[in-house]
Amino acid sequence: MIYFKTEEEIELIRESSLLVGKTLAEVAKHIKPGVKTIVLDKIAEEFIRDNGAVPGFKGYKGFPKTLCMSINEQVVHGIPGERILQNGDIVSIDCGVKKNGFFGDSAYTFAVGDVKEEILLLMKRTKESLYKGIEVTVAGKRVGDIGFEIQNYVEGFGYSVVRDLVGHGLGKNLHEKPEIPNYGKRGSGAKLKEGMVLAIEPMINLGTKNVVQENDGWTIRTADGLPSAHYEHDIAVKKGKADILSTFEFIEQVLNNYKY
């Protein structure tokens, strides 16, 4: 069952999605070598609650924290704790909020200190692949068109697309139909129609596409131990051009101003 949203509902999702971007920007101010991941998680939770919302992930299916923080070879669903960020790490931070009954959900991968050029390129191209997918997220296209654009772009650099985790519909629930794989065939899958709201989130690995779950029951990491990058936007399907409800603008303002 796909839930179609009214214009009013899309605006409420936009408000939640923008708050995620602002939360990630607040966290970005504190990302540097020597910081514990739990400290960043607390900053995020406080900021979300101060803005009249609740963390979207905390308690979801038993997840214990506000942020998913996945370092280096961890792909997604890493749990913040006592781990300390090191110079040269990358950290993918996925954040959800619920406000006015609707969810926002967005992710961004951050460099910690001095990161190797090949890993910076993985991050850059993963983010670019997100926008390639968004370009075809318009009424009349199909789910497979989104995955095709992402896969086609990143595989051209020798990267691989995680198959076990996908994007999704978004609204009153954090995860709704349809699922949005980051790989696929043009012209296949569910037809995109106005009123759909989708979270598109390429998870791209430097090495193999295969992933394994860590012993904590949550964290997913690459099978070969090579790094992975993850970016996510929330999109309202419209005619002619996708409407991006979330934003990286606040994050990137911070990254341009805070150089450690």
Protein backbone atom coordinates (compact mmCIF):
# COMPACT_ATOMS: atom_id res chain seq x y z
CA MET A 1 0.00 0.00 0.00
CA ILE A 2 1.50 3.33 -1.11
CA TYR A 3 0.26 6.38 0.80
CA PHE A 4 -0.14 9.49 -1.35
CA LYS A 5 0.34 12.83 0.39
CA THR A 6 -1.59 16.07 0.04
CA GLU A 7 0.24 19.36 -0.49
CA GLU A 8 -0.32 20.18 3.19
CA GLU A 9 1.19 16.87 4.27
CA ILE A 10 4.18 17.37 1.98
CA GLU A 11 4.82 20.74 3.66
CA LEU A 12 4.79 19.06 7.08
CA ILE A 13 7.26 16.45 5.83
CA ARG A 14 9.38 19.30 4.46
CA GLU A 15 9.42 20.93 7.89
CA SER A 16 10.60 17.67 9.50
CA SER A 17 13.15 17.07 6.74
CA LEU A 18 14.62 20.58 7.06
CA LEU A 19 14.94 20.05 10.81
CA VAL A 20 17.01 16.93 10.10
CA GLY A 21 19.34 19.05 7.95
CA LYS A 22 19.66 21.63 10.74
CA THR A 23 20.32 18.87 13.29
CA LEU A 24 23.08 17.35 11.15
CA ALA A 25 24.57 20.84 10.76
CA GLU A 26 24.56 21.26 14.55
CA VAL A 27 26.35 17.91 14.89
CA ALA A 28 28.80 18.86 12.12
CA LYS A 29 30.12 21.73 14.29
CA HIS A 30 31.50 19.14 16.73
CA ILE A 31 32.87 16.47 14.38
CA LYS A 32 36.63 16.31 14.85
CA PRO A 33 39.28 13.82 15.97
CA GLY A 34 38.97 12.95 19.67
CA VAL A 35 35.19 13.26 19.99
CA LYS A 36 33.10 10.36 21.31
CA THR A 37 30.16 9.39 19.12
CA ILE A 38 27.80 9.44 22.13
CA VAL A 39 28.58 13.15 22.62
CA LEU A 40 27.38 13.89 19.07
CA ASP A 41 24.27 11.81 19.67
CA LYS A 42 23.36 13.84 22.75
CA ILE A 43 23.83 17.12 20.84
CA ALA A 44 21.43 15.85 18.17
CA GLU A 45 18.76 14.67 20.59
CA GLU A 46 18.80 17.94 22.54
CA PHE A 47 18.59 20.01 19.35
CA ILE A 48 15.66 17.97 17.99
CA ARG A 49 13.71 18.25 21.24
CA ASP A 50 14.49 21.98 21.55
CA ASN A 51 12.86 22.39 18.13
CA GLY A 52 9.58 20.78 19.14
CA ALA A 53 10.21 17.38 17.60
CA VAL A 54 11.23 13.92 18.79
CA PRO A 55 14.06 11.72 17.50
CA GLY A 56 12.65 9.49 14.77
CA PHE A 57 15.04 6.58 15.31
CA LYS A 58 15.22 6.36 19.10
CA GLY A 59 13.17 3.35 20.14
CA TYR A 60 12.32 2.46 16.52
CA LYS A 61 12.29 -1.35 16.51
CA GLY A 62 14.40 -1.08 19.67
CA PHE A 63 17.17 1.15 18.28
CA PRO A 64 18.71 2.78 21.39
CA LYS A 65 19.96 6.17 20.16
CA THR A 66 19.01 9.29 18.19
CA LEU A 67 21.59 8.98 15.39
CA CYS A 68 22.86 6.09 13.33
CA MET A 69 26.63 6.71 13.20
CA SER A 70 28.61 4.41 10.94
CA ILE A 71 32.40 4.76 10.77
CA ASN A 72 34.64 3.74 7.86
CA GLU A 73 33.67 0.18 6.84
CA GLN A 74 30.35 0.46 8.70
CA VAL A 75 27.60 1.11 6.15
CA VAL A 76 24.57 1.98 8.29
CA HIS A 77 22.87 1.55 11.68
CA GLY A 78 25.99 2.07 13.81
CA ILE A 79 25.14 2.79 17.45
CA PRO A 80 26.73 5.86 19.09
CA GLY A 81 28.77 5.04 22.19
CA GLU A 82 32.24 5.38 23.65
CA ARG A 83 34.08 5.07 20.33
CA ILE A 84 36.29 8.07 19.63
CA LEU A 85 36.55 9.57 16.15
CA GLN A 86 40.09 9.39 14.78
CA ASN A 87 41.90 11.54 12.24
CA GLY A 88 41.32 9.98 8.81
CA ASP A 89 37.95 8.39 9.67
CA ILE A 90 34.78 9.00 7.74
CA VAL A 91 31.45 8.85 9.56
CA SER A 92 28.05 8.44 7.93
CA ILE A 93 25.36 10.02 10.10
CA ASP A 94 21.72 9.15 9.47
CA CYS A 95 19.11 11.13 11.39
CA GLY A 96 15.33 11.03 11.63
CA VAL A 97 12.86 13.31 13.35
CA LYS A 98 9.13 13.23 13.91
CA LYS A 99 7.27 16.52 14.08
CA ASN A 100 3.55 17.24 13.63
CA GLY A 101 3.00 13.53 13.01
CA PHE A 102 5.38 13.28 10.05
CA PHE A 103 8.92 12.01 9.67
CA GLY A 104 12.00 13.52 8.07
CA ASP A 105 15.00 11.30 7.31
CA SER A 106 18.36 12.33 5.88
CA ALA A 107 21.99 11.19 5.94
CA TYR A 108 25.41 12.68 5.21
CA THR A 109 28.95 11.31 5.29
CA PHE A 110 31.56 13.47 7.04
CA ALA A 111 35.36 13.46 6.83
CA VAL A 112 37.15 13.52 10.20
CA GLY A 113 40.41 15.45 9.92
CA ASP A 114 42.63 14.44 6.99
CA VAL A 115 41.02 11.71 4.89
CA LYS A 116 42.68 9.84 2.01
CA GLU A 117 41.93 11.20 -1.45
CA GLU A 118 40.39 7.95 -2.73
CA ILE A 119 37.92 7.96 0.18
CA LEU A 120 37.06 11.64 -0.37
CA LEU A 121 36.32 10.73 -3.99
CA LEU A 122 34.04 7.89 -2.87
CA MET A 123 32.12 10.38 -0.73
CA LYS A 124 31.89 12.96 -3.52
CA ARG A 125 30.70 10.44 -6.10
CA THR A 126 28.20 8.83 -3.73
CA LYS A 127 26.65 12.25 -3.15
CA GLU A 128 26.65 12.90 -6.90
CA SER A 129 24.89 9.57 -7.47
CA LEU A 130 22.11 10.68 -5.10
CA TYR A 131 21.42 13.69 -7.30
CA LYS A 132 21.55 11.51 -10.45
CA GLY A 133 18.79 9.41 -8.88
CA ILE A 134 16.80 12.48 -7.84
CA GLU A 135 16.83 13.85 -11.42
CA VAL A 136 14.60 10.96 -12.56
CA THR A 137 12.35 10.99 -9.46
CA VAL A 138 9.46 12.55 -11.35
CA ALA A 139 5.90 11.53 -12.17
CA GLY A 140 5.76 8.96 -14.98
CA LYS A 141 9.17 7.41 -14.30
CA ARG A 142 9.60 4.15 -12.40
CA VAL A 143 11.44 3.03 -9.28
CA GLY A 144 13.93 1.10 -11.41
CA ASP A 145 14.93 4.32 -13.19
CA ILE A 146 16.21 5.77 -9.88
CA GLY A 147 18.29 2.69 -9.07
CA PHE A 148 19.63 2.48 -12.60
CA GLU A 149 20.97 6.05 -12.53
CA ILE A 150 22.70 5.54 -9.17
CA GLN A 151 24.16 2.14 -10.07
CA ASN A 152 25.26 3.18 -13.54
CA TYR A 153 27.10 6.21 -12.17
CA VAL A 154 29.00 4.61 -9.29
CA GLU A 155 29.87 1.34 -11.01
CA GLY A 156 31.60 3.44 -13.65
CA PHE A 157 34.19 4.25 -10.96
CA GLY A 158 34.55 0.63 -9.88
CA TYR A 159 32.44 1.06 -6.73
CA SER A 160 29.63 -1.26 -5.71
CA VAL A 161 26.04 -0.71 -4.61
CA VAL A 162 24.81 -2.28 -1.38
CA ARG A 163 21.92 -4.58 -2.30
CA ASP A 164 20.64 -5.52 1.16
CA LEU A 165 19.48 -2.02 2.16
CA VAL A 166 17.23 0.32 0.22
CA GLY A 167 15.49 3.67 0.24
CA HIS A 168 11.79 3.89 1.04
CA GLY A 169 8.58 5.83 1.15
CA LEU A 170 8.22 8.34 4.00
CA GLY A 171 5.35 10.01 5.81
CA LYS A 172 3.46 9.23 8.99
CA ASN A 173 5.68 6.16 9.13
CA LEU A 174 9.48 6.18 8.91
CA HIS A 175 9.43 3.36 6.36
CA GLU A 176 6.59 3.09 3.85
CA LYS A 177 6.12 1.50 0.46
CA PRO A 178 7.61 1.51 -2.11
CA GLU A 179 11.15 0.32 -1.46
CA ILE A 180 13.74 2.22 -3.54
CA PRO A 181 16.78 0.06 -4.38
CA ASN A 182 19.98 1.86 -5.43
CA TYR A 183 20.32 -0.48 -8.41
CA GLY A 184 17.87 -1.53 -11.08
CA LYS A 185 16.67 -1.61 -14.64
CA ARG A 186 15.24 1.34 -16.48
CA GLY A 187 11.48 1.15 -16.86
CA SER A 188 11.01 -1.46 -14.12
CA GLY A 189 9.26 -1.29 -10.76
CA ALA A 190 6.40 0.81 -9.42
CA LYS A 191 5.37 3.88 -11.38
CA LEU A 192 6.20 7.22 -9.74
CA LYS A 193 3.14 9.42 -9.21
CA GLU A 194 2.50 12.87 -7.77
CA GLY A 195 1.96 12.73 -4.02
CA MET A 196 4.57 10.06 -3.36
CA VAL A 197 7.30 11.03 -0.88
CA LEU A 198 10.48 8.98 -1.12
CA ALA A 199 13.71 8.77 0.87
CA ILE A 200 16.48 8.06 -1.63
CA GLU A 201 19.72 6.92 0.00
CA PRO A 202 22.62 5.44 -1.95
CA MET A 203 25.00 3.36 0.17
CA ILE A 204 28.10 2.88 -1.94
CA ASN A 205 31.15 0.76 -1.12
CA LEU A 206 34.75 1.22 -2.22
CA GLY A 207 35.09 -2.58 -2.53
CA THR A 208 32.62 -5.46 -2.52
CA LYS A 209 28.85 -4.96 -2.39
CA ASN A 210 28.58 -7.68 0.26
CA VAL A 211 27.80 -6.68 3.83
CA VAL A 212 27.59 -8.41 7.21
CA GLN A 213 25.88 -7.56 10.48
CA GLU A 214 28.01 -6.93 13.55
CA ASN A 215 27.34 -8.64 16.88
CA ASP A 216 25.35 -5.70 18.27
CA GLY A 217 22.47 -6.79 16.03
CA TRP A 218 22.31 -3.40 14.28
CA THR A 219 25.53 -2.25 12.65
CA ILE A 220 25.99 -3.28 9.02
CA ARG A 221 29.55 -3.23 7.64
CA THR A 222 31.28 -4.12 4.41
CA ALA A 223 32.41 -7.75 4.16
CA ASP A 224 35.90 -6.74 2.97
CA GLY A 225 36.46 -3.98 5.55
CA LEU A 226 36.74 -1.22 2.93
CA PRO A 227 34.93 2.10 3.48
CA SER A 228 31.34 2.90 2.57
CA ALA A 229 29.59 6.26 2.04
CA HIS A 230 25.91 7.14 2.51
CA TYR A 231 23.82 10.19 1.59
CA GLU A 232 20.04 10.57 1.78
CA HIS A 233 17.41 13.11 0.72
CA ASP A 234 13.61 13.17 1.03
CA ILE A 235 11.83 13.82 -2.27
CA ALA A 236 8.24 14.70 -3.19
CA VAL A 237 7.38 13.34 -6.63
CA LYS A 238 6.06 16.06 -8.92
CA LYS A 239 5.63 16.48 -12.67
CA GLY A 240 8.76 17.54 -14.53
CA LYS A 241 11.10 18.10 -11.56
CA ALA A 242 11.66 16.47 -8.20
CA ASP A 243 10.97 18.55 -5.09
CA ILE A 244 13.81 17.98 -2.60
CA LEU A 245 12.31 18.38 0.88
CA SER A 246 15.52 17.91 2.87
CA THR A 247 18.70 19.97 2.53
CA PHE A 248 22.47 19.72 2.87
CA GLU A 249 22.79 23.52 2.75
CA PHE A 250 23.08 24.03 6.55
CA ILE A 251 25.60 21.17 6.83
CA GLU A 252 27.79 22.51 4.05
CA GLN A 253 27.76 26.04 5.47
CA VAL A 254 29.18 24.58 8.68
CA LEU A 255 31.76 22.44 6.85
CA ASN A 256 32.96 25.49 4.94
CA ASN A 257 33.28 27.54 8.14
CA TYR A 258 34.67 24.97 10.59
CA LYS A 259 38.01 23.68 9.41
CA TYR A 260 40.00 21.80 12.04
